[in-house]
């Protein structure tokens, strides 16, 4: 079995920070900091967008200077569009969309500071903002990132420096789960890895999700008086 470090960085959150949104959260995990806001559900008037169930839209954006040595473009980049699509698809499986016929829910996510685990924390932030907005969901969504290094080391919840360390071999995984339902909502892999090693990486990522879920549920209960799942 591979050796891995089970560390998970500390999590803090503040809810209701954007008054014009139906739900919002500022959340930080280590030095990775995100603001997520939910607008809607609002009725879709365009005929081509008609649906018997609701629709989820997501806009993810890196704020200027949120990443070291990188300036954020004013327009949404390809990477940001991919992250937006991934989050929207994951939340479509969590929100009970039949409750919002002919309606749309918009999730806006701003990356304030990126110090690793971007997609994973964005998933968690989107889910918590939905709960703050009182939108009915099947479960909380929790994300976790791991980095597999050449030589068999697995690091749970890496920083940006750890996540992007150059190695001759290695891979990264982003996993998002509904912890109470024990269901996967999203899984992304970057890099090549043997099947047996990938299995252990996913197991480590799942364990990380459950540890993060415990912390997030505690924050929700203390702040909003809610305990999802």
C-alpha atoms as a PDB file:
ATOM      1  CA  UNK A   1       0.000   0.000   0.000  1.00  0.00           C
ATOM      2  CA  UNK A   2       1.167   3.519  -0.852  1.00  0.00           C
ATOM      3  CA  UNK A   3       2.230   5.863   1.948  1.00  0.00           C
ATOM      4  CA  UNK A   4       0.164   8.985   2.228  1.00  0.00           C
ATOM      5  CA  UNK A   5      -0.117  12.007   4.454  1.00  0.00           C
ATOM      6  CA  UNK A   6      -3.664  12.442   5.772  1.00  0.00           C
ATOM      7  CA  UNK A   7      -3.359  16.140   6.575  1.00  0.00           C
ATOM      8  CA  UNK A   8      -6.364  18.355   5.824  1.00  0.00           C
ATOM      9  CA  UNK A   9      -5.938  22.112   6.129  1.00  0.00           C
ATOM     10  CA  UNK A  10      -8.175  24.075   8.494  1.00  0.00           C
ATOM     11  CA  UNK A  11     -11.526  25.370   7.198  1.00  0.00           C
ATOM     12  CA  UNK A  12     -13.364  28.561   8.118  1.00  0.00           C
ATOM     13  CA  UNK A  13     -16.510  30.094   6.636  1.00  0.00           C
ATOM     14  CA  UNK A  14     -18.712  33.169   6.865  1.00  0.00           C
ATOM     15  CA  UNK A  15     -22.241  33.120   5.464  1.00  0.00           C
ATOM     16  CA  UNK A  16     -24.585  35.715   3.998  1.00  0.00           C
ATOM     17  CA  UNK A  17     -21.821  38.104   2.992  1.00  0.00           C
ATOM     18  CA  UNK A  18     -23.503  39.226  -0.275  1.00  0.00           C
ATOM     19  CA  UNK A  19     -26.846  40.808   0.569  1.00  0.00           C
ATOM     20  CA  UNK A  20     -28.199  40.833  -3.012  1.00  0.00           C
ATOM     21  CA  UNK A  21     -27.697  37.071  -3.371  1.00  0.00           C
ATOM     22  CA  UNK A  22     -30.165  34.485  -2.101  1.00  0.00           C
ATOM     23  CA  UNK A  23     -27.250  32.676  -0.467  1.00  0.00           C
ATOM     24  CA  UNK A  24     -23.517  33.283  -0.171  1.00  0.00           C
ATOM     25  CA  UNK A  25     -20.397  32.159   1.629  1.00  0.00           C
ATOM     26  CA  UNK A  26     -16.798  33.185   2.096  1.00  0.00           C
ATOM     27  CA  UNK A  27     -14.815  30.015   2.714  1.00  0.00           C
ATOM     28  CA  UNK A  28     -11.140  29.369   3.211  1.00  0.00           C
ATOM     29  CA  UNK A  29      -9.180  26.155   3.424  1.00  0.00           C
ATOM     30  CA  UNK A  30      -5.639  26.901   4.460  1.00  0.00           C
ATOM     31  CA  UNK A  31      -4.701  29.889   2.297  1.00  0.00           C
ATOM     32  CA  UNK A  32      -7.141  29.029  -0.515  1.00  0.00           C
ATOM     33  CA  UNK A  33      -9.999  31.541  -0.324  1.00  0.00           C
ATOM     34  CA  UNK A  34     -13.274  31.624  -2.253  1.00  0.00           C
ATOM     35  CA  UNK A  35     -16.503  33.612  -2.341  1.00  0.00           C
ATOM     36  CA  UNK A  36     -19.577  31.821  -3.722  1.00  0.00           C
ATOM     37  CA  UNK A  37     -23.018  33.332  -4.257  1.00  0.00           C
ATOM     38  CA  UNK A  38     -26.331  31.873  -5.423  1.00  0.00           C
ATOM     39  CA  UNK A  39     -28.897  33.882  -7.384  1.00  0.00           C
ATOM     40  CA  UNK A  40     -32.353  32.494  -7.980  1.00  0.00           C
ATOM     41  CA  UNK A  41     -34.190  30.358  -8.687  1.00  0.00           C
ATOM     42  CA  UNK A  42     -35.528  32.819 -11.259  1.00  0.00           C
ATOM     43  CA  UNK A  43     -37.936  32.073 -14.073  1.00  0.00           C
ATOM     44  CA  UNK A  44     -36.403  31.503 -17.500  1.00  0.00           C
ATOM     45  CA  UNK A  45     -38.269  33.580 -20.077  1.00  0.00           C
ATOM     46  CA  UNK A  46     -36.421  32.454 -23.202  1.00  0.00           C
ATOM     47  CA  UNK A  47     -38.464  29.815 -24.973  1.00  0.00           C
ATOM     48  CA  UNK A  48     -35.418  27.797 -26.078  1.00  0.00           C
ATOM     49  CA  UNK A  49     -34.389  27.449 -22.413  1.00  0.00           C
ATOM     50  CA  UNK A  50     -37.729  25.975 -21.335  1.00  0.00           C
ATOM     51  CA  UNK A  51     -37.435  22.882 -19.194  1.00  0.00           C
ATOM     52  CA  UNK A  52     -39.815  21.019 -16.928  1.00  0.00           C
ATOM     53  CA  UNK A  53     -37.070  20.973 -14.339  1.00  0.00           C
ATOM     54  CA  UNK A  54     -34.727  23.704 -13.230  1.00  0.00           C
ATOM     55  CA  UNK A  55     -31.383  24.564 -14.777  1.00  0.00           C
ATOM     56  CA  UNK A  56     -28.052  25.236 -13.060  1.00  0.00           C
ATOM     57  CA  UNK A  57     -25.561  27.780 -14.366  1.00  0.00           C
ATOM     58  CA  UNK A  58     -22.130  28.462 -12.899  1.00  0.00           C
ATOM     59  CA  UNK A  59     -19.638  31.267 -13.453  1.00  0.00           C
ATOM     60  CA  UNK A  60     -16.197  30.625 -11.992  1.00  0.00           C
ATOM     61  CA  UNK A  61     -13.545  33.352 -12.129  1.00  0.00           C
ATOM     62  CA  UNK A  62     -10.056  33.879 -10.753  1.00  0.00           C
ATOM     63  CA  UNK A  63      -9.772  37.349  -9.271  1.00  0.00           C
ATOM     64  CA  UNK A  64      -6.783  39.485 -10.344  1.00  0.00           C
ATOM     65  CA  UNK A  65      -3.580  38.372  -8.620  1.00  0.00           C
ATOM     66  CA  UNK A  66      -5.344  35.408  -6.979  1.00  0.00           C
ATOM     67  CA  UNK A  67      -2.523  33.183  -8.253  1.00  0.00           C
ATOM     68  CA  UNK A  68       1.174  33.802  -7.769  1.00  0.00           C
ATOM     69  CA  UNK A  69       2.892  35.238 -10.859  1.00  0.00           C
ATOM     70  CA  UNK A  70      -0.350  35.028 -12.850  1.00  0.00           C
ATOM     71  CA  UNK A  71      -2.690  37.854 -13.816  1.00  0.00           C
ATOM     72  CA  UNK A  72      -6.352  36.984 -14.337  1.00  0.00           C
ATOM     73  CA  UNK A  73      -7.808  37.893 -17.728  1.00  0.00           C
ATOM     74  CA  UNK A  74     -10.950  40.084 -17.698  1.00  0.00           C
ATOM     75  CA  UNK A  75     -12.830  37.571 -19.842  1.00  0.00           C
ATOM     76  CA  UNK A  76     -13.449  34.029 -18.704  1.00  0.00           C
ATOM     77  CA  UNK A  77     -10.606  31.761 -19.824  1.00  0.00           C
ATOM     78  CA  UNK A  78     -10.944  28.228 -21.172  1.00  0.00           C
ATOM     79  CA  UNK A  79      -9.826  26.831 -17.802  1.00  0.00           C
ATOM     80  CA  UNK A  80     -12.453  28.891 -15.987  1.00  0.00           C
ATOM     81  CA  UNK A  81     -15.153  27.747 -18.420  1.00  0.00           C
ATOM     82  CA  UNK A  82     -14.211  24.099 -17.827  1.00  0.00           C
ATOM     83  CA  UNK A  83     -14.324  24.573 -14.045  1.00  0.00           C
ATOM     84  CA  UNK A  84     -17.686  26.348 -14.369  1.00  0.00           C
ATOM     85  CA  UNK A  85     -19.138  23.504 -16.437  1.00  0.00           C
ATOM     86  CA  UNK A  86     -17.800  20.851 -14.041  1.00  0.00           C
ATOM     87  CA  UNK A  87     -19.357  22.558 -11.013  1.00  0.00           C
ATOM     88  CA  UNK A  88     -22.701  23.164 -12.769  1.00  0.00           C
ATOM     89  CA  UNK A  89     -22.941  19.505 -13.791  1.00  0.00           C
ATOM     90  CA  UNK A  90     -22.102  18.352 -10.263  1.00  0.00           C
ATOM     91  CA  UNK A  91     -24.706  20.647  -8.680  1.00  0.00           C
ATOM     92  CA  UNK A  92     -27.379  19.496 -11.148  1.00  0.00           C
ATOM     93  CA  UNK A  93     -27.080  16.082  -9.533  1.00  0.00           C
ATOM     94  CA  UNK A  94     -27.463  17.541  -6.036  1.00  0.00           C
ATOM     95  CA  UNK A  95     -30.221  20.155  -6.359  1.00  0.00           C
ATOM     96  CA  UNK A  96     -33.761  18.761  -6.542  1.00  0.00           C
ATOM     97  CA  UNK A  97     -34.440  20.526  -9.844  1.00  0.00           C
ATOM     98  CA  UNK A  98     -38.027  19.286 -10.143  1.00  0.00           C
ATOM     99  CA  UNK A  99     -38.850  21.807  -7.389  1.00  0.00           C
ATOM    100  CA  UNK A 100     -37.953  24.672  -9.754  1.00  0.00           C
ATOM    101  CA  UNK A 101     -39.720  24.125 -13.109  1.00  0.00           C
ATOM    102  CA  UNK A 102     -38.864  26.633 -15.844  1.00  0.00           C
ATOM    103  CA  UNK A 103     -36.330  28.230 -13.511  1.00  0.00           C
ATOM    104  CA  UNK A 104     -32.593  28.812 -13.368  1.00  0.00           C
ATOM    105  CA  UNK A 105     -30.144  28.869 -10.475  1.00  0.00           C
ATOM    106  CA  UNK A 106     -26.929  30.829 -11.015  1.00  0.00           C
ATOM    107  CA  UNK A 107     -23.868  30.059  -8.902  1.00  0.00           C
ATOM    108  CA  UNK A 108     -21.154  32.719  -9.019  1.00  0.00           C
ATOM    109  CA  UNK A 109     -17.734  31.715  -7.684  1.00  0.00           C
ATOM    110  CA  UNK A 110     -14.781  34.058  -7.267  1.00  0.00           C
ATOM    111  CA  UNK A 111     -11.353  32.681  -6.427  1.00  0.00           C
ATOM    112  CA  UNK A 112      -9.818  35.257  -4.084  1.00  0.00           C
ATOM    113  CA  UNK A 113      -6.575  33.388  -3.377  1.00  0.00           C
ATOM    114  CA  UNK A 114      -5.452  30.100  -4.908  1.00  0.00           C
ATOM    115  CA  UNK A 115      -3.185  28.021  -2.738  1.00  0.00           C
ATOM    116  CA  UNK A 116      -4.192  24.600  -4.026  1.00  0.00           C
ATOM    117  CA  UNK A 117      -7.350  22.511  -4.277  1.00  0.00           C
ATOM    118  CA  UNK A 118      -9.180  25.107  -6.379  1.00  0.00           C
ATOM    119  CA  UNK A 119     -11.832  22.879  -7.961  1.00  0.00           C
ATOM    120  CA  UNK A 120     -12.431  20.916  -4.773  1.00  0.00           C
ATOM    121  CA  UNK A 121     -13.004  23.946  -2.554  1.00  0.00           C
ATOM    122  CA  UNK A 122     -15.122  25.588  -5.257  1.00  0.00           C
ATOM    123  CA  UNK A 123     -17.398  22.521  -5.189  1.00  0.00           C
ATOM    124  CA  UNK A 124     -17.711  22.769  -1.412  1.00  0.00           C
ATOM    125  CA  UNK A 125     -18.327  26.525  -1.563  1.00  0.00           C
ATOM    126  CA  UNK A 126     -21.058  26.158  -4.203  1.00  0.00           C
ATOM    127  CA  UNK A 127     -22.821  23.532  -2.110  1.00  0.00           C
ATOM    128  CA  UNK A 128     -22.679  25.590   1.092  1.00  0.00           C
ATOM    129  CA  UNK A 129     -23.978  28.684  -0.734  1.00  0.00           C
ATOM    130  CA  UNK A 130     -26.945  26.626  -1.976  1.00  0.00           C
ATOM    131  CA  UNK A 131     -27.726  25.615   1.593  1.00  0.00           C
ATOM    132  CA  UNK A 132     -27.472  29.247   2.718  1.00  0.00           C
ATOM    133  CA  UNK A 133     -29.948  30.085  -0.085  1.00  0.00           C
ATOM    134  CA  UNK A 134     -32.393  27.498   1.334  1.00  0.00           C
ATOM    135  CA  UNK A 135     -32.409  25.612  -1.964  1.00  0.00           C
ATOM    136  CA  UNK A 136     -33.460  22.012  -1.473  1.00  0.00           C
ATOM    137  CA  UNK A 137     -30.581  19.606  -2.067  1.00  0.00           C
ATOM    138  CA  UNK A 138     -30.082  15.869  -1.692  1.00  0.00           C
ATOM    139  CA  UNK A 139     -26.923  16.242   0.349  1.00  0.00           C
ATOM    140  CA  UNK A 140     -23.935  18.466   0.987  1.00  0.00           C
ATOM    141  CA  UNK A 141     -21.181  18.281  -1.638  1.00  0.00           C
ATOM    142  CA  UNK A 142     -17.602  18.121  -0.393  1.00  0.00           C
ATOM    143  CA  UNK A 143     -14.484  18.273  -2.552  1.00  0.00           C
ATOM    144  CA  UNK A 144     -10.936  17.104  -1.870  1.00  0.00           C
ATOM    145  CA  UNK A 145      -7.711  17.133  -3.890  1.00  0.00           C
ATOM    146  CA  UNK A 146      -4.767  14.758  -3.658  1.00  0.00           C
ATOM    147  CA  UNK A 147      -1.357  14.723  -5.313  1.00  0.00           C
ATOM    148  CA  UNK A 148       0.450  11.496  -6.150  1.00  0.00           C
ATOM    149  CA  UNK A 149       4.218  11.884  -6.352  1.00  0.00           C
ATOM    150  CA  UNK A 150       6.796   9.744  -8.090  1.00  0.00           C
ATOM    151  CA  UNK A 151       7.908   7.106  -5.610  1.00  0.00           C
ATOM    152  CA  UNK A 152       4.486   6.412  -4.150  1.00  0.00           C
ATOM    153  CA  UNK A 153       3.851   9.373  -1.870  1.00  0.00           C
ATOM    154  CA  UNK A 154       0.233  10.542  -1.698  1.00  0.00           C
ATOM    155  CA  UNK A 155      -0.499  13.975  -0.241  1.00  0.00           C
ATOM    156  CA  UNK A 156      -4.054  14.888   0.731  1.00  0.00           C
ATOM    157  CA  UNK A 157      -5.163  18.528   0.313  1.00  0.00           C
ATOM    158  CA  UNK A 158      -1.893  19.895  -1.155  1.00  0.00           C
ATOM    159  CA  UNK A 159      -0.970  23.565  -1.328  1.00  0.00           C
ATOM    160  CA  UNK A 160      -0.456  25.152  -4.752  1.00  0.00           C
ATOM    161  CA  UNK A 161       3.301  24.605  -4.517  1.00  0.00           C
ATOM    162  CA  UNK A 162       2.838  20.948  -3.551  1.00  0.00           C
ATOM    163  CA  UNK A 163       0.132  20.423  -6.161  1.00  0.00           C
ATOM    164  CA  UNK A 164       2.224  21.716  -9.053  1.00  0.00           C
ATOM    165  CA  UNK A 165       5.612  20.272  -8.098  1.00  0.00           C
ATOM    166  CA  UNK A 166       7.267  18.924 -11.234  1.00  0.00           C
ATOM    167  CA  UNK A 167       7.992  15.197 -11.151  1.00  0.00           C
ATOM    168  CA  UNK A 168       8.903  12.681 -13.838  1.00  0.00           C
ATOM    169  CA  UNK A 169       5.786  10.764 -12.857  1.00  0.00           C
ATOM    170  CA  UNK A 170       2.751  11.740 -10.887  1.00  0.00           C
ATOM    171  CA  UNK A 171      -0.915  12.595 -10.980  1.00  0.00           C
ATOM    172  CA  UNK A 172      -3.526  14.727  -9.314  1.00  0.00           C
ATOM    173  CA  UNK A 173      -7.114  13.893  -8.407  1.00  0.00           C
ATOM    174  CA  UNK A 174     -10.096  16.104  -7.594  1.00  0.00           C
ATOM    175  CA  UNK A 175     -13.001  14.230  -6.006  1.00  0.00           C
ATOM    176  CA  UNK A 176     -16.395  15.600  -4.972  1.00  0.00           C
ATOM    177  CA  UNK A 177     -18.850  13.470  -3.021  1.00  0.00           C
ATOM    178  CA  UNK A 178     -22.197  13.541  -1.260  1.00  0.00           C
ATOM    179  CA  UNK A 179     -20.930  12.155   2.068  1.00  0.00           C
ATOM    180  CA  UNK A 180     -24.219  11.140   3.670  1.00  0.00           C
ATOM    181  CA  UNK A 181     -25.357   9.346   0.505  1.00  0.00           C
ATOM    182  CA  UNK A 182     -21.869   7.911  -0.225  1.00  0.00           C
ATOM    183  CA  UNK A 183     -22.111   9.036  -3.852  1.00  0.00           C
ATOM    184  CA  UNK A 184     -19.513  10.606  -6.161  1.00  0.00           C
ATOM    185  CA  UNK A 185     -20.610  13.786  -7.928  1.00  0.00           C
ATOM    186  CA  UNK A 186     -17.361  14.557  -9.774  1.00  0.00           C
ATOM    187  CA  UNK A 187     -13.957  12.990 -10.367  1.00  0.00           C
ATOM    188  CA  UNK A 188     -11.125  14.619 -12.308  1.00  0.00           C
ATOM    189  CA  UNK A 189      -7.672  13.152 -12.933  1.00  0.00           C
ATOM    190  CA  UNK A 190      -4.591  14.865 -14.330  1.00  0.00           C
ATOM    191  CA  UNK A 191      -1.528  12.817 -15.219  1.00  0.00           C
ATOM    192  CA  UNK A 192      -0.867   9.119 -15.740  1.00  0.00           C
ATOM    193  CA  UNK A 193      -0.863   6.533 -12.981  1.00  0.00           C
ATOM    194  CA  UNK A 194      -1.166   2.766 -12.591  1.00  0.00           C
ATOM    195  CA  UNK A 195      -4.636   1.399 -11.895  1.00  0.00           C
ATOM    196  CA  UNK A 196      -3.763   0.033  -8.443  1.00  0.00           C
ATOM    197  CA  UNK A 197      -2.174   3.350  -7.470  1.00  0.00           C
ATOM    198  CA  UNK A 198      -5.181   5.264  -8.795  1.00  0.00           C
ATOM    199  CA  UNK A 199      -7.474   3.164  -6.621  1.00  0.00           C
ATOM    200  CA  UNK A 200      -5.488   4.026  -3.505  1.00  0.00           C
ATOM    201  CA  UNK A 201      -5.404   7.700  -4.502  1.00  0.00           C
ATOM    202  CA  UNK A 202      -9.197   7.756  -4.793  1.00  0.00           C
ATOM    203  CA  UNK A 203      -9.529   6.005  -1.430  1.00  0.00           C
ATOM    204  CA  UNK A 204      -7.260   8.637   0.138  1.00  0.00           C
ATOM    205  CA  UNK A 205      -9.279  11.391  -1.551  1.00  0.00           C
ATOM    206  CA  UNK A 206     -12.544   9.892  -0.282  1.00  0.00           C
ATOM    207  CA  UNK A 207     -11.174   9.793   3.267  1.00  0.00           C
ATOM    208  CA  UNK A 208     -10.148  13.434   2.882  1.00  0.00           C
ATOM    209  CA  UNK A 209     -13.674  14.348   1.737  1.00  0.00           C
ATOM    210  CA  UNK A 210     -15.175  12.732   4.830  1.00  0.00           C
ATOM    211  CA  UNK A 211     -12.794  14.596   7.139  1.00  0.00           C
ATOM    212  CA  UNK A 212     -13.579  17.896   5.425  1.00  0.00           C
ATOM    213  CA  UNK A 213     -17.311  17.089   5.578  1.00  0.00           C
ATOM    214  CA  UNK A 214     -17.120  16.738   9.347  1.00  0.00           C
ATOM    215  CA  UNK A 215     -15.580  20.212   9.649  1.00  0.00           C
ATOM    216  CA  UNK A 216     -18.032  21.833   7.205  1.00  0.00           C
ATOM    217  CA  UNK A 217     -21.085  20.274   8.859  1.00  0.00           C
ATOM    218  CA  UNK A 218     -19.896  21.553  12.214  1.00  0.00           C
ATOM    219  CA  UNK A 219     -19.550  25.083  10.786  1.00  0.00           C
ATOM    220  CA  UNK A 220     -23.039  24.886   9.259  1.00  0.00           C
ATOM    221  CA  UNK A 221     -24.566  23.693  12.492  1.00  0.00           C
ATOM    222  CA  UNK A 222     -22.849  26.379  14.572  1.00  0.00           C
ATOM    223  CA  UNK A 223     -23.597  29.248  12.179  1.00  0.00           C
ATOM    224  CA  UNK A 224     -26.839  28.387  10.373  1.00  0.00           C
ATOM    225  CA  UNK A 225     -28.282  25.878  12.795  1.00  0.00           C
ATOM    226  CA  UNK A 226     -28.393  23.288  10.013  1.00  0.00           C
ATOM    227  CA  UNK A 227     -26.895  19.820   9.778  1.00  0.00           C
ATOM    228  CA  UNK A 228     -27.270  18.553   6.165  1.00  0.00           C
ATOM    229  CA  UNK A 229     -27.304  14.820   5.722  1.00  0.00           C
END
